Each structure stands twice: as structure tokens, then as C-alpha cells.
Amino acid sequence: MSQAPGDTLRERRGSILQIRFLLCFSMFIGAFLVYAMRLNFSVAILAMTNSINATGDNITFISSDNCRPDKHIAQGGHSLSRKLREGSRAFVFLSDISGFRPQCISQCNYDSAGLLGILWTVFWFCVAADGPERHPWISAEERKYIVESRSSKFKKARPPIPWRQILFSPAVLILGLAKLAASFNYYMMLIELPTYLNDMFAIDITANGWINGGMNLCIAITLLVTARIADKLIERKAFNKTRLRKFFIVCSQLLPSFCMVLLSRIGCDYDLVMVTLFVNYLFLGFAGGGDGGMAFDIAPRFAGAVTGVLNVMANVAGLLAPKLVGYLTEDNNTLTQWHLAFLYTGIFTMINSTLFLMFGTAEEQIWAQEERSEENCDAEGNSLYGRLRKGSDIVNQNS
């Protein structure tokens, strides 16, 4: 829930704190408190620090959606978005493969994570700035490119965020349901896959870590590749943007939903289960060209606020997936109950992704369109169309 107001904080940073201080503080809290102190604190304190860690998302994710030049947004904007966010996927990969380390050095793992968090905080504080005008290190050419890429066609550079239109926009709600469906599949694998492999196939923690780490590395690579492909196709205007997004939605949600249904019918064939899981993760990565950056498509000016709302809806899956598995397997931890969990996941994903295919859009919404300034109105009046229109008005008056 903390992600929704992230864009508001960014807009009001002059009256609260500079954005680099917010980023620095969030990184410090997330990297140091959660991972360095986890071994020594109680479960209650751990829950508190994990909740504080979410403040890093509300600043970093939202800010990454507001720091791009307009030229890049016009060309798609997904590949840069995925590069900025793949750090979280890398953490999942490193966390998973850490299972092969001996238990005797677990204390060192947490200490090293905390030390890296402190070092990264110092580094970020030194290199981050509120804008290119204040950045001491970037080249003059880069600064000029960023500044000139900003929109100068509209009279309000930072308009108020239309929260009501965002929250009740059909395009945002349908996209949020699609992201919820994709996240439900992903969180089911991320959170429950280790338990499933351990309970049903007796996979130890070492092999479990490598399996989950490899799967997450697969999805990370696919996300980057598909985002780049989608940006190139949009830049060349090879396909309609909405149809292109829907194609990637089919690949990233409908196909994984079929994999979930297939998992519920496989049985105890371990090799076939592994192949199905790999295919599921592979196609989940197609979200890089689908819903991954559609906030820029439907509301370029308010991409940060829309991203916050979408992430709120998507992260609900992190609560629903464990609850579903717990409800089904708490008193009867059998393969049949796990199959039901996978089946329900597949059906839920299929329904929500189908709704997006039917009603979703990647077109810019009316409430997100920018108001034209008087300069643009004058420019339009001086254009050929404007002169012809004025001439037509004069003829009508004379007649």
C-alpha cells in the first residue's frame, strides 16, 4: 500500500525531503535492517522491518517511472524500466542460491548483506541528484539531451495527480487485474515452490536453491529481452500498440496459466514437472513487453502514480497465494491438494488475462492528455490548417 503515494511524495519533495535523501534512507533501511539484523531479532521485529522495507519500493519504483525523458517514453520505455527493476530479481536469485552455503556461515551471510547495504547507501548518496541540472558528474552532452528531451509544449510541467480518474479508470483497473493475475502465478512459484519440491519430491535445500535461482534468472533474462523487442517494434510502428501488448499478455499470462493447469495433471513425474516449471517461468518473462510498462502507454504524465496503483493491486497476490496453499494443505498436505492449488491459480490467471484481452487498451487516456498552452494554440493558428480555417471563417462572414 505504500507504493501509491510515492508519486505524491516525489511531487512535494521540495516541502518534505530531497528525493535522493528519500532514496538513500529507504535503501539503508531495506538493505541493513532487514537482512543484517534478521538473524538476531524476534519474529515481531522482523515483521516490522520487513514492512519498513516496502518504503524502498514506493520511492525507487515510482521514481524510476518519472526519471525518463519524453523521447524515451514515446519510443516505448519498457527496456529501461526493466533494467532499472531487475535488481530485485537479482536479489531473489542470490537469495535462492544461497541455500547451498553451509549453515555455519549463515551469520556471515547476513553481516555481509548488511555491509553491502551500508556501502551502497554511501555510494548512492554520493552519485544521486534531484535532477540533471544539479548533478556534478554527468557530461554536458548528456545533461543537454535530458533537459532538451523534456516536454515544453504544455503550460504545467507538474500538474496535480488526478487520483479519482486513475482509481476509477477502466483501463487502469483492467490492467491492474492483469498484473494481479501474473503476480499470482509468480508469487505462487516464488513463495510456495520450495515447499512443494521439498514436501512432494524430497528436494533438499541445496538443490531447491539452485532450481529457484535458475528459474528466476531465466525470467530476468526474458524480461529484458522481450522489453527490448517490444520497444523496437513500437519505435518502428510495425504493429498496433494495443495488439502488441495483448500478444505479450497472451504469452506471459495465458500460456503460464495452461502450465499451471498442466501441473495439476502431471502427477509424480519429476522431470515433466521441471520442464513445465521452466516453460512457465520462461513465458512469465514476456511481461516485459506486455503489462510491465503500460503505465507509460495509458498515462505518460502520471506514470508514477499509475504504477503505484498497479503495484498495490499486483502485490495483493503475495498475500493470496500463500493463503490459498495454506488453506488447502494445512490439514492435508498431499499431492492432490497441491494440484488443486495449481489448478485454481491457472483458472484465476486465465480469467483475468482474458478480461484484459477483451477490454484492455494501451491507448493514452483522455484524463491523462496534456493541456495545450497558448503558445501551441498560436502555433496551430499559424499552421496551414489554421490559416485555412481562418480563411473559411472569413468567407462565411462575408457570405
Protein backbone atom coordinates (compact mmCIF):
# COMPACT_ATOMS: atom_id res chain seq x y z
CA MET A 1 0.00 0.00 0.00
CA SER A 2 2.94 2.34 0.47
CA GLN A 3 3.62 2.49 -3.28
CA ALA A 4 0.54 4.53 -4.22
CA PRO A 5 1.61 7.82 -2.54
CA GLY A 6 5.15 7.56 -3.87
CA ASP A 7 4.50 9.90 -6.77
CA THR A 8 2.87 12.44 -4.46
CA LEU A 9 6.00 12.47 -2.30
CA ARG A 10 8.06 12.98 -5.40
CA GLU A 11 5.95 15.95 -6.47
CA ARG A 12 6.19 17.51 -2.99
CA ARG A 13 9.82 16.70 -2.34
CA GLY A 14 10.65 20.38 -2.00
CA SER A 15 8.46 20.62 1.09
CA ILE A 16 9.48 17.27 2.57
CA LEU A 17 12.89 15.93 1.63
CA GLN A 18 15.01 15.83 -1.46
CA ILE A 19 14.44 12.71 -3.47
CA ARG A 20 17.98 11.45 -3.06
CA PHE A 21 17.62 11.58 0.72
CA LEU A 22 14.41 9.53 0.49
CA LEU A 23 16.12 7.01 -1.76
CA CYS A 24 19.17 6.86 0.46
CA PHE A 25 17.13 6.36 3.63
CA SER A 26 14.91 3.70 2.04
CA MET A 27 17.87 1.75 0.71
CA PHE A 28 19.58 1.92 4.07
CA ILE A 29 16.53 0.69 5.98
CA GLY A 30 15.79 -2.07 3.48
CA ALA A 31 19.27 -3.44 3.00
CA PHE A 32 20.62 -3.02 6.51
CA LEU A 33 17.78 -3.58 8.95
CA VAL A 34 16.01 -6.40 7.17
CA TYR A 35 18.95 -8.55 6.14
CA ALA A 36 21.68 -7.75 8.65
CA MET A 37 19.53 -7.92 11.77
CA ARG A 38 17.22 -10.73 10.71
CA LEU A 39 19.27 -13.38 12.50
CA ASN A 40 19.20 -11.64 15.86
CA PHE A 41 15.70 -10.17 16.14
CA SER A 42 12.42 -11.82 17.03
CA VAL A 43 9.67 -12.59 14.54
CA ALA A 44 7.73 -9.49 15.59
CA ILE A 45 10.68 -7.17 15.00
CA LEU A 46 11.38 -8.92 11.68
CA ALA A 47 7.82 -8.24 10.56
CA MET A 48 8.25 -4.58 11.45
CA THR A 49 11.48 -4.24 9.49
CA ASN A 50 10.01 -6.06 6.51
CA SER A 51 7.15 -3.56 6.48
CA ILE A 52 9.68 -0.71 6.55
CA ASN A 53 11.49 -2.33 3.63
CA ALA A 54 8.43 -1.66 1.46
CA THR A 55 9.17 2.07 1.65
CA GLY A 56 12.11 1.43 -0.65
CA ASP A 57 9.70 0.27 -3.35
CA ASN A 58 7.42 3.28 -3.07
CA ILE A 59 10.38 5.57 -3.82
CA THR A 60 12.60 3.56 -6.17
CA PHE A 61 9.92 2.02 -8.39
CA ILE A 62 7.87 5.20 -8.64
CA SER A 63 10.92 7.40 -9.20
CA SER A 64 12.19 5.11 -11.95
CA ASP A 65 8.92 5.72 -13.77
CA ASN A 66 9.34 9.51 -13.56
CA CYS A 67 13.02 9.99 -14.40
CA ARG A 68 12.81 9.16 -18.12
CA PRO A 69 12.90 11.73 -20.90
CA ASP A 70 9.79 12.13 -23.06
CA LYS A 71 11.61 10.89 -26.14
CA HIS A 72 12.25 7.57 -24.48
CA ILE A 73 8.62 7.28 -23.32
CA ALA A 74 7.43 7.93 -26.85
CA GLN A 75 9.55 5.04 -28.08
CA GLY A 76 8.09 2.56 -25.62
CA GLY A 77 10.13 2.95 -22.48
CA HIS A 78 9.94 -0.68 -21.36
CA SER A 79 13.55 -1.78 -21.74
CA LEU A 80 14.93 0.94 -19.46
CA SER A 81 12.17 0.24 -16.94
CA ARG A 82 13.14 -3.41 -16.82
CA LYS A 83 16.84 -2.61 -16.45
CA LEU A 84 16.07 -0.35 -13.50
CA ARG A 85 13.96 -3.01 -11.78
CA GLU A 86 15.90 -6.19 -12.42
CA GLY A 87 17.91 -5.57 -9.27
CA SER A 88 15.03 -7.02 -7.26
CA ARG A 89 15.05 -10.11 -9.47
CA ALA A 90 18.77 -10.48 -8.93
CA PHE A 91 18.22 -10.40 -5.18
CA VAL A 92 15.75 -13.27 -5.48
CA PHE A 93 18.28 -15.24 -7.49
CA LEU A 94 21.09 -14.63 -4.99
CA SER A 95 18.79 -15.43 -2.07
CA ASP A 96 17.79 -18.73 -3.66
CA ILE A 97 21.28 -19.98 -4.48
CA SER A 98 22.50 -19.03 -1.01
CA GLY A 99 20.90 -22.26 0.16
CA PHE A 100 23.96 -24.24 -0.90
CA ARG A 101 26.16 -22.43 1.64
CA PRO A 102 26.93 -24.27 4.86
CA GLN A 103 24.78 -23.33 7.82
CA CYS A 104 27.87 -22.45 9.88
CA ILE A 105 28.48 -19.33 7.82
CA SER A 106 24.90 -18.09 7.79
CA GLN A 107 25.86 -15.33 10.24
CA CYS A 108 28.47 -14.14 7.76
CA ASN A 109 25.82 -14.06 5.02
CA TYR A 110 23.68 -11.59 6.96
CA ASP A 111 26.66 -9.50 8.06
CA SER A 112 27.94 -9.24 4.50
CA ALA A 113 24.46 -8.27 3.27
CA GLY A 114 24.29 -5.51 5.87
CA LEU A 115 27.77 -4.27 4.97
CA LEU A 116 26.87 -4.16 1.28
CA GLY A 117 23.75 -2.20 2.17
CA ILE A 118 25.79 0.40 4.04
CA LEU A 119 28.36 0.69 1.24
CA TRP A 120 25.66 1.02 -1.40
CA THR A 121 23.93 3.72 0.66
CA VAL A 122 27.13 5.78 0.83
CA PHE A 123 27.75 5.30 -2.89
CA TRP A 124 24.19 6.26 -3.81
CA PHE A 125 24.31 9.37 -1.62
CA CYS A 126 27.43 10.50 -3.47
CA VAL A 127 26.17 9.98 -7.03
CA ALA A 128 22.43 10.70 -6.79
CA ALA A 129 20.93 14.12 -7.52
CA ASP A 130 17.47 15.64 -7.83
CA GLY A 131 17.95 16.49 -11.49
CA PRO A 132 20.49 16.75 -14.29
CA GLU A 133 20.98 20.46 -13.60
CA ARG A 134 22.33 19.65 -10.13
CA HIS A 135 24.29 16.53 -10.97
CA PRO A 136 28.04 17.15 -10.68
CA TRP A 137 29.33 14.22 -12.73
CA ILE A 138 27.31 13.73 -15.90
CA SER A 139 28.68 15.16 -19.12
CA ALA A 140 27.43 18.35 -20.69
CA GLU A 141 26.12 16.41 -23.69
CA GLU A 142 24.08 14.06 -21.52
CA ARG A 143 22.72 16.94 -19.44
CA LYS A 144 21.73 18.82 -22.57
CA TYR A 145 19.99 15.75 -24.02
CA ILE A 146 17.93 15.13 -20.88
CA VAL A 147 16.93 18.76 -20.46
CA GLU A 148 16.00 19.21 -24.12
CA SER A 149 14.01 15.97 -24.09
CA ARG A 150 11.62 17.39 -21.54
CA SER A 151 8.27 18.46 -22.84
CA SER A 152 7.97 22.20 -23.46
CA LYS A 153 4.59 22.11 -25.21
CA PHE A 154 2.45 22.35 -22.14
CA LYS A 155 2.00 25.05 -19.57
CA LYS A 156 2.03 22.80 -16.50
CA ALA A 157 5.19 20.76 -16.04
CA ARG A 158 3.89 19.12 -12.84
CA PRO A 159 0.09 19.04 -12.91
CA PRO A 160 -1.86 17.73 -9.92
CA ILE A 161 -2.36 13.98 -9.97
CA PRO A 162 -5.97 13.06 -10.91
CA TRP A 163 -6.36 10.33 -8.31
CA ARG A 164 -10.09 9.95 -8.86
CA GLN A 165 -9.71 9.39 -12.60
CA ILE A 166 -6.85 6.96 -12.01
CA LEU A 167 -8.65 4.89 -9.39
CA PHE A 168 -11.86 4.63 -11.42
CA SER A 169 -10.33 4.35 -14.88
CA PRO A 170 -11.43 1.14 -16.67
CA ALA A 171 -8.06 0.95 -18.42
CA VAL A 172 -6.17 1.10 -15.11
CA LEU A 173 -8.48 -1.38 -13.37
CA ILE A 174 -8.34 -3.92 -16.19
CA LEU A 175 -4.57 -3.60 -16.36
CA GLY A 176 -4.39 -3.98 -12.58
CA LEU A 177 -6.35 -7.24 -12.77
CA ALA A 178 -3.98 -8.49 -15.45
CA LYS A 179 -0.96 -7.66 -13.27
CA LEU A 180 -2.69 -9.34 -10.32
CA ALA A 181 -3.08 -12.49 -12.40
CA ALA A 182 0.56 -12.52 -13.48
CA SER A 183 1.73 -11.79 -9.93
CA PHE A 184 -0.44 -14.58 -8.53
CA ASN A 185 1.34 -17.10 -10.73
CA TYR A 186 4.74 -15.62 -9.92
CA TYR A 187 4.23 -15.46 -6.16
CA MET A 188 2.85 -18.98 -6.15
CA MET A 189 6.15 -20.14 -7.61
CA LEU A 190 8.37 -17.76 -5.66
CA ILE A 191 6.89 -18.48 -2.23
CA GLU A 192 5.45 -21.99 -2.46
CA LEU A 193 7.64 -23.78 -4.99
CA PRO A 194 10.41 -24.62 -2.46
CA THR A 195 7.83 -26.12 -0.09
CA TYR A 196 6.22 -28.07 -2.92
CA LEU A 197 9.51 -29.54 -4.10
CA ASN A 198 10.59 -30.38 -0.56
CA ASP A 199 7.31 -31.96 0.59
CA MET A 200 6.36 -33.80 -2.58
CA PHE A 201 9.75 -34.72 -4.09
CA ALA A 202 12.09 -34.52 -1.06
CA ILE A 203 14.35 -31.94 -2.76
CA ASP A 204 16.91 -30.72 -0.22
CA ILE A 205 17.69 -27.06 0.40
CA THR A 206 20.78 -27.09 -1.83
CA ALA A 207 19.03 -28.36 -4.96
CA ASN A 208 15.98 -26.28 -4.10
CA GLY A 209 18.05 -23.12 -4.06
CA TRP A 210 19.64 -23.83 -7.42
CA ILE A 211 16.27 -24.67 -9.01
CA ASN A 212 14.59 -21.49 -7.80
CA GLY A 213 17.63 -19.37 -8.57
CA GLY A 214 17.84 -20.74 -12.10
CA MET A 215 14.14 -20.15 -12.69
CA ASN A 216 14.38 -16.53 -11.53
CA LEU A 217 17.47 -15.94 -13.66
CA CYS A 218 15.50 -17.27 -16.63
CA ILE A 219 12.62 -14.88 -16.08
CA ALA A 220 15.00 -11.94 -15.56
CA ILE A 221 16.70 -12.52 -18.91
CA THR A 222 13.37 -12.97 -20.69
CA LEU A 223 12.00 -9.76 -19.20
CA LEU A 224 14.92 -7.73 -20.54
CA VAL A 225 14.84 -9.31 -23.99
CA THR A 226 11.08 -9.00 -24.53
CA ALA A 227 11.04 -5.41 -23.28
CA ARG A 228 13.71 -4.52 -25.82
CA ILE A 229 11.84 -6.29 -28.63
CA ALA A 230 8.58 -4.52 -27.76
CA ASP A 231 10.30 -1.12 -27.71
CA LYS A 232 11.86 -1.71 -31.12
CA LEU A 233 8.55 -2.81 -32.66
CA ILE A 234 6.76 0.24 -31.24
CA GLU A 235 9.53 2.57 -32.39
CA ARG A 236 9.26 1.22 -35.93
CA LYS A 237 5.43 1.28 -35.76
CA ALA A 238 5.38 -2.29 -37.01
CA PHE A 239 2.25 -3.21 -35.06
CA ASN A 240 -0.63 -1.52 -33.32
CA LYS A 241 0.46 -0.83 -29.75
CA THR A 242 -2.62 -2.34 -28.10
CA ARG A 243 -2.42 -5.50 -30.20
CA LEU A 244 1.28 -5.83 -29.46
CA ARG A 245 0.70 -5.52 -25.71
CA LYS A 246 -2.10 -8.08 -25.87
CA PHE A 247 0.16 -10.50 -27.71
CA PHE A 248 2.73 -10.31 -24.93
CA ILE A 249 -0.07 -10.62 -22.35
CA VAL A 250 -1.15 -13.87 -24.00
CA CYS A 251 2.42 -15.17 -23.82
CA SER A 252 3.04 -14.00 -20.24
CA GLN A 253 -0.30 -14.95 -18.67
CA LEU A 254 -2.46 -17.30 -20.72
CA LEU A 255 0.37 -19.70 -21.57
CA PRO A 256 1.61 -19.85 -17.94
CA SER A 257 -1.98 -20.47 -16.84
CA PHE A 258 -2.01 -23.53 -19.08
CA CYS A 259 1.24 -24.62 -17.42
CA MET A 260 -0.45 -24.35 -14.02
CA VAL A 261 -3.34 -26.49 -15.23
CA LEU A 262 -0.85 -28.98 -16.67
CA LEU A 263 0.97 -29.16 -13.32
CA SER A 264 -2.29 -30.22 -11.71
CA ARG A 265 -2.50 -33.20 -14.09
CA ILE A 266 1.11 -34.40 -14.26
CA GLY A 267 1.34 -36.40 -11.05
CA CYS A 268 4.73 -37.51 -9.69
CA ASP A 269 6.75 -37.26 -12.91
CA TYR A 270 9.60 -35.10 -11.60
CA ASP A 271 11.24 -34.49 -14.99
CA LEU A 272 7.99 -33.37 -16.57
CA VAL A 273 7.29 -31.13 -13.57
CA MET A 274 10.68 -29.43 -14.02
CA VAL A 275 10.11 -28.88 -17.74
CA THR A 276 6.66 -27.42 -17.08
CA LEU A 277 8.01 -25.10 -14.39
CA PHE A 278 10.79 -23.91 -16.70
CA VAL A 279 8.31 -23.18 -19.51
CA ASN A 280 6.06 -21.38 -17.03
CA TYR A 281 8.89 -19.11 -15.86
CA LEU A 282 10.08 -18.57 -19.43
CA PHE A 283 6.71 -17.23 -20.56
CA LEU A 284 6.20 -15.20 -17.39
CA GLY A 285 9.15 -13.13 -18.58
CA PHE A 286 7.17 -12.00 -21.63
CA ALA A 287 5.56 -9.48 -19.28
CA GLY A 288 8.50 -7.24 -20.16
CA GLY A 289 6.78 -6.44 -23.45
CA GLY A 290 3.25 -6.63 -22.07
CA ASP A 291 1.94 -5.17 -18.84
CA GLY A 292 5.41 -4.36 -17.50
CA GLY A 293 5.45 -0.72 -18.56
CA MET A 294 1.94 0.00 -19.78
CA ALA A 295 1.57 2.83 -17.30
CA PHE A 296 3.55 4.88 -19.84
CA ASP A 297 1.10 3.95 -22.57
CA ILE A 298 -2.15 4.87 -20.84
CA ALA A 299 -0.89 7.83 -18.78
CA PRO A 300 2.59 9.11 -19.69
CA ARG A 301 2.35 12.19 -17.47
CA PHE A 302 1.16 10.24 -14.44
CA ALA A 303 3.10 7.02 -14.98
CA GLY A 304 4.49 7.09 -11.44
CA ALA A 305 1.07 7.36 -9.79
CA VAL A 306 -0.45 4.72 -12.08
CA THR A 307 2.47 2.39 -11.40
CA GLY A 308 1.89 2.77 -7.68
CA VAL A 309 -1.79 1.85 -8.01
CA LEU A 310 -0.98 -1.11 -10.26
CA ASN A 311 1.67 -2.40 -7.87
CA VAL A 312 -0.79 -2.19 -4.99
CA MET A 313 -3.17 -4.44 -6.91
CA ALA A 314 -0.42 -6.78 -8.08
CA ASN A 315 1.15 -7.23 -4.65
CA VAL A 316 -2.14 -8.46 -3.21
CA ALA A 317 -1.17 -11.73 -4.88
CA GLY A 318 1.68 -12.02 -2.38
CA LEU A 319 -0.98 -12.43 0.30
CA LEU A 320 -3.48 -14.53 -1.64
CA ALA A 321 -1.10 -17.20 -2.95
CA PRO A 322 0.23 -18.36 0.47
CA LYS A 323 -3.28 -18.17 1.94
CA LEU A 324 -4.62 -20.42 -0.80
CA VAL A 325 -1.88 -23.02 -0.32
CA GLY A 326 -2.20 -22.86 3.45
CA TYR A 327 -5.96 -23.34 3.29
CA LEU A 328 -5.66 -26.36 1.00
CA THR A 329 -2.66 -28.11 2.60
CA GLU A 330 -2.80 -27.18 6.29
CA ASP A 331 -4.59 -30.37 7.38
CA ASN A 332 -3.99 -32.47 4.28
CA ASN A 333 -0.55 -31.89 2.74
CA THR A 334 -0.92 -34.23 -0.22
CA LEU A 335 -0.11 -34.06 -3.91
CA THR A 336 -3.82 -33.82 -4.68
CA GLN A 337 -4.16 -30.64 -2.62
CA TRP A 338 -1.13 -29.10 -4.31
CA HIS A 339 -2.69 -29.93 -7.67
CA LEU A 340 -5.82 -28.05 -6.60
CA ALA A 341 -3.69 -25.02 -5.70
CA PHE A 342 -2.06 -25.05 -9.14
CA LEU A 343 -5.43 -25.57 -10.84
CA TYR A 344 -7.03 -22.62 -9.05
CA THR A 345 -4.01 -20.48 -9.90
CA GLY A 346 -4.32 -21.37 -13.57
CA ILE A 347 -8.05 -20.64 -13.66
CA PHE A 348 -7.65 -17.32 -11.86
CA THR A 349 -4.85 -16.23 -14.19
CA MET A 350 -6.79 -17.32 -17.25
CA ILE A 351 -9.91 -15.36 -16.30
CA ASN A 352 -8.11 -12.09 -15.54
CA SER A 353 -5.89 -12.24 -18.61
CA THR A 354 -8.94 -12.97 -20.79
CA LEU A 355 -10.63 -9.86 -19.40
CA PHE A 356 -7.62 -7.81 -20.45
CA LEU A 357 -7.68 -9.30 -23.95
CA MET A 358 -11.34 -8.33 -24.25
CA PHE A 359 -11.36 -4.87 -22.65
CA GLY A 360 -7.74 -3.81 -22.19
CA THR A 361 -6.12 -0.96 -24.09
CA ALA A 362 -2.71 0.64 -24.46
CA GLU A 363 -4.03 3.96 -25.75
CA GLU A 364 -3.45 7.17 -23.82
CA GLN A 365 -6.46 8.02 -21.68
CA ILE A 366 -8.34 11.31 -22.02
CA TRP A 367 -7.75 12.31 -18.41
CA ALA A 368 -4.01 11.83 -18.92
CA GLN A 369 -3.72 14.00 -22.00
CA GLU A 370 -1.83 17.25 -21.58
CA GLU A 371 -3.45 20.65 -21.80
CA ARG A 372 -2.13 22.73 -24.62
CA SER A 373 -0.60 26.09 -23.81
CA GLU A 374 -1.36 29.37 -25.54
CA GLU A 375 1.92 29.09 -27.44
CA ASN A 376 0.79 25.84 -29.03
CA CYS A 377 -2.60 27.36 -29.86
CA ASP A 378 -0.82 30.23 -31.62
CA ALA A 379 1.44 27.77 -33.42
CA GLU A 380 -1.60 25.81 -34.54
CA GLY A 381 -3.24 29.01 -35.77
CA ASN A 382 -0.17 29.86 -37.84
CA SER A 383 -0.03 26.41 -39.38
CA LEU A 384 -1.51 25.62 -42.82
CA TYR A 385 -4.58 24.08 -41.22
CA GLY A 386 -5.04 27.13 -39.01
CA ARG A 387 -4.76 29.57 -41.95
CA LEU A 388 -7.26 27.56 -43.98
CA ARG A 389 -9.67 27.50 -41.05
CA LYS A 390 -9.35 31.28 -40.60
CA GLY A 391 -9.91 31.78 -44.32
CA SER A 392 -13.01 29.64 -44.19
CA ASP A 393 -14.36 31.71 -41.29
CA ILE A 394 -13.78 34.96 -43.23
CA VAL A 395 -15.59 33.59 -46.29
CA ASN A 396 -18.54 32.54 -44.16
CA GLN A 397 -18.73 36.01 -42.58
CA ASN A 398 -18.65 37.75 -45.97
CA SER A 399 -21.31 35.47 -47.35
